[in-house]
Amino acid sequence: EDPVGNGHEEKENNPFAEYMWMENEEDFNRQVEEELQEQEFLDRCFQEMLEEEDQDWFIPARDLPQGMGQLQQQLHGLSVGEGHGAEDILSKSNLNPDAKEFVPGVKY
């Protein structure tokens, strides 16, 4: 069967079926408006939550006095065990390399 010039087949019951939602246009508009309001409400709540979270977090640049920035940079420059290689630490270790792995709560 070939479609007729308007793009619909001849035996199709209602050529305006795709436009039937317009019959209840007010209900459709109300539903879309409610969905938009709900989305806007959720966006506002999410934004408020992020703002509250920002206030609770400790941000050094914002929460420390100005002189603390230099001290903080010096602390970042330090590293634990400076000057000791991993091989040096392992050579002085008293641990048994053949021991079973420790699992809390398990008795051997």
C-alpha atoms as a PDB file:
ATOM      1  CA  GLU A   1       0.000   0.000   0.000  1.00  0.00           C
ATOM      2  CA  ASP A   2       1.327   3.378  -0.964  1.00  0.00           C
ATOM      3  CA  PRO A   3       0.828   6.317   1.352  1.00  0.00           C
ATOM      4  CA  VAL A   4      -1.449   9.041   0.102  1.00  0.00           C
ATOM      5  CA  GLY A   5      -0.060  12.505  -0.664  1.00  0.00           C
ATOM      6  CA  ASN A   6      -0.572  13.750   2.925  1.00  0.00           C
ATOM      7  CA  GLY A   7       1.732  11.054   4.327  1.00  0.00           C
ATOM      8  CA  HIS A   8      -1.089   8.968   5.837  1.00  0.00           C
ATOM      9  CA  GLU A   9      -2.379   5.657   4.572  1.00  0.00           C
ATOM     10  CA  GLU A  10      -5.942   5.639   3.285  1.00  0.00           C
ATOM     11  CA  LYS A  11      -7.154   3.036   5.790  1.00  0.00           C
ATOM     12  CA  GLU A  12      -5.826   4.908   8.851  1.00  0.00           C
ATOM     13  CA  ASN A  13      -8.776   5.636  11.163  1.00  0.00           C
ATOM     14  CA  ASN A  14      -7.845   9.103  12.348  1.00  0.00           C
ATOM     15  CA  PRO A  15      -5.321  11.137  10.354  1.00  0.00           C
ATOM     16  CA  PHE A  16      -5.149  13.634  13.276  1.00  0.00           C
ATOM     17  CA  ALA A  17      -4.230  11.032  15.933  1.00  0.00           C
ATOM     18  CA  GLU A  18      -0.855  12.645  16.631  1.00  0.00           C
ATOM     19  CA  TYR A  19      -2.607  15.937  17.459  1.00  0.00           C
ATOM     20  CA  MET A  20      -5.167  14.476  19.865  1.00  0.00           C
ATOM     21  CA  TRP A  21      -3.158  15.671  22.867  1.00  0.00           C
ATOM     22  CA  MET A  22      -4.360  19.173  21.992  1.00  0.00           C
ATOM     23  CA  GLU A  23      -7.854  18.125  23.030  1.00  0.00           C
ATOM     24  CA  ASN A  24      -6.651  18.193  26.641  1.00  0.00           C
ATOM     25  CA  GLU A  25      -4.245  21.085  26.198  1.00  0.00           C
ATOM     26  CA  GLU A  26      -5.008  22.647  29.596  1.00  0.00           C
ATOM     27  CA  ASP A  27      -4.242  19.382  31.406  1.00  0.00           C
ATOM     28  CA  PHE A  28      -1.084  18.948  29.363  1.00  0.00           C
ATOM     29  CA  ASN A  29       0.058  22.510  30.120  1.00  0.00           C
ATOM     30  CA  ARG A  30      -0.713  22.088  33.828  1.00  0.00           C
ATOM     31  CA  GLN A  31       1.273  18.827  33.963  1.00  0.00           C
ATOM     32  CA  VAL A  32       4.280  20.358  32.188  1.00  0.00           C
ATOM     33  CA  GLU A  33       4.136  23.424  34.439  1.00  0.00           C
ATOM     34  CA  GLU A  34       4.046  21.230  37.564  1.00  0.00           C
ATOM     35  CA  GLU A  35       7.059  19.272  36.303  1.00  0.00           C
ATOM     36  CA  LEU A  36       8.963  22.509  35.650  1.00  0.00           C
ATOM     37  CA  GLN A  37       8.105  23.861  39.116  1.00  0.00           C
ATOM     38  CA  GLU A  38       9.189  20.593  40.707  1.00  0.00           C
ATOM     39  CA  GLN A  39      12.492  20.684  38.817  1.00  0.00           C
ATOM     40  CA  GLU A  40      13.053  24.312  39.830  1.00  0.00           C
ATOM     41  CA  PHE A  41      12.306  23.423  43.472  1.00  0.00           C
ATOM     42  CA  LEU A  42      14.787  20.524  43.360  1.00  0.00           C
ATOM     43  CA  ASP A  43      17.429  22.776  41.800  1.00  0.00           C
ATOM     44  CA  ARG A  44      16.935  25.374  44.556  1.00  0.00           C
ATOM     45  CA  CYS A  45      17.158  22.715  47.273  1.00  0.00           C
ATOM     46  CA  PHE A  46      20.293  21.276  45.751  1.00  0.00           C
ATOM     47  CA  GLN A  47      21.886  24.727  45.509  1.00  0.00           C
ATOM     48  CA  GLU A  48      21.031  25.476  49.164  1.00  0.00           C
ATOM     49  CA  MET A  49      22.505  22.138  50.193  1.00  0.00           C
ATOM     50  CA  LEU A  50      25.747  22.936  48.347  1.00  0.00           C
ATOM     51  CA  GLU A  51      25.927  26.373  49.992  1.00  0.00           C
ATOM     52  CA  GLU A  52      25.412  24.864  53.458  1.00  0.00           C
ATOM     53  CA  GLU A  53      28.062  22.269  52.717  1.00  0.00           C
ATOM     54  CA  ASP A  54      30.520  24.991  51.655  1.00  0.00           C
ATOM     55  CA  GLN A  55      29.958  26.785  54.958  1.00  0.00           C
ATOM     56  CA  ASP A  56      30.653  23.603  56.933  1.00  0.00           C
ATOM     57  CA  TRP A  57      33.843  22.675  55.055  1.00  0.00           C
ATOM     58  CA  PHE A  58      37.210  23.947  56.216  1.00  0.00           C
ATOM     59  CA  ILE A  59      38.779  25.867  53.348  1.00  0.00           C
ATOM     60  CA  PRO A  60      42.253  27.051  54.384  1.00  0.00           C
ATOM     61  CA  ALA A  61      42.407  29.968  51.949  1.00  0.00           C
ATOM     62  CA  ARG A  62      39.144  31.305  53.338  1.00  0.00           C
ATOM     63  CA  ASP A  63      39.208  30.187  56.975  1.00  0.00           C
ATOM     64  CA  LEU A  64      42.831  30.645  58.070  1.00  0.00           C
ATOM     65  CA  PRO A  65      44.423  34.002  58.934  1.00  0.00           C
ATOM     66  CA  GLN A  66      46.589  35.518  56.178  1.00  0.00           C
ATOM     67  CA  GLY A  67      49.946  34.555  57.787  1.00  0.00           C
ATOM     68  CA  MET A  68      48.958  30.902  57.850  1.00  0.00           C
ATOM     69  CA  GLY A  69      49.262  30.551  54.065  1.00  0.00           C
ATOM     70  CA  GLN A  70      53.053  30.636  54.183  1.00  0.00           C
ATOM     71  CA  LEU A  71      53.147  28.117  57.034  1.00  0.00           C
ATOM     72  CA  GLN A  72      50.798  25.879  55.099  1.00  0.00           C
ATOM     73  CA  GLN A  73      53.084  26.013  52.047  1.00  0.00           C
ATOM     74  CA  GLN A  74      56.040  25.042  54.222  1.00  0.00           C
ATOM     75  CA  LEU A  75      54.091  22.088  55.622  1.00  0.00           C
ATOM     76  CA  HIS A  76      53.253  20.891  52.116  1.00  0.00           C
ATOM     77  CA  GLY A  77      56.959  20.907  51.302  1.00  0.00           C
ATOM     78  CA  LEU A  78      57.738  18.419  54.081  1.00  0.00           C
ATOM     79  CA  SER A  79      57.549  14.683  53.515  1.00  0.00           C
ATOM     80  CA  VAL A  80      57.576  11.784  55.930  1.00  0.00           C
ATOM     81  CA  GLY A  81      60.773   9.731  56.112  1.00  0.00           C
ATOM     82  CA  GLU A  82      62.792  12.216  54.111  1.00  0.00           C
ATOM     83  CA  GLY A  83      66.259  10.881  53.248  1.00  0.00           C
ATOM     84  CA  HIS A  84      65.401   7.198  53.789  1.00  0.00           C
ATOM     85  CA  GLY A  85      64.938   4.946  50.784  1.00  0.00           C
ATOM     86  CA  ALA A  86      62.530   2.012  50.871  1.00  0.00           C
ATOM     87  CA  GLU A  87      65.455  -0.427  50.564  1.00  0.00           C
ATOM     88  CA  ASP A  88      67.135   1.089  53.617  1.00  0.00           C
ATOM     89  CA  ILE A  89      63.997   0.619  55.714  1.00  0.00           C
ATOM     90  CA  LEU A  90      63.521  -2.967  54.525  1.00  0.00           C
ATOM     91  CA  SER A  91      67.123  -3.925  55.285  1.00  0.00           C
ATOM     92  CA  LYS A  92      66.696  -2.858  58.939  1.00  0.00           C
ATOM     93  CA  SER A  93      63.278  -4.516  59.365  1.00  0.00           C
ATOM     94  CA  ASN A  94      62.739  -7.201  62.024  1.00  0.00           C
ATOM     95  CA  LEU A  95      59.506  -8.473  60.447  1.00  0.00           C
ATOM     96  CA  ASN A  96      59.166 -12.056  59.224  1.00  0.00           C
ATOM     97  CA  PRO A  97      58.562 -11.953  55.443  1.00  0.00           C
ATOM     98  CA  ASP A  98      57.136 -15.507  55.555  1.00  0.00           C
ATOM     99  CA  ALA A  99      54.489 -14.704  58.190  1.00  0.00           C
ATOM    100  CA  LYS A 100      50.790 -15.071  57.353  1.00  0.00           C
ATOM    101  CA  GLU A 101      48.852 -11.933  56.571  1.00  0.00           C
ATOM    102  CA  PHE A 102      47.198 -10.426  59.646  1.00  0.00           C
ATOM    103  CA  VAL A 103      43.415 -10.482  59.509  1.00  0.00           C
ATOM    104  CA  PRO A 104      41.604  -8.832  62.452  1.00  0.00           C
ATOM    105  CA  GLY A 105      39.334 -11.182  64.388  1.00  0.00           C
ATOM    106  CA  VAL A 106      40.906 -14.387  62.984  1.00  0.00           C
ATOM    107  CA  LYS A 107      42.842 -16.605  65.373  1.00  0.00           C
ATOM    108  CA  TYR A 108      45.705 -18.700  63.990  1.00  0.00           C
END
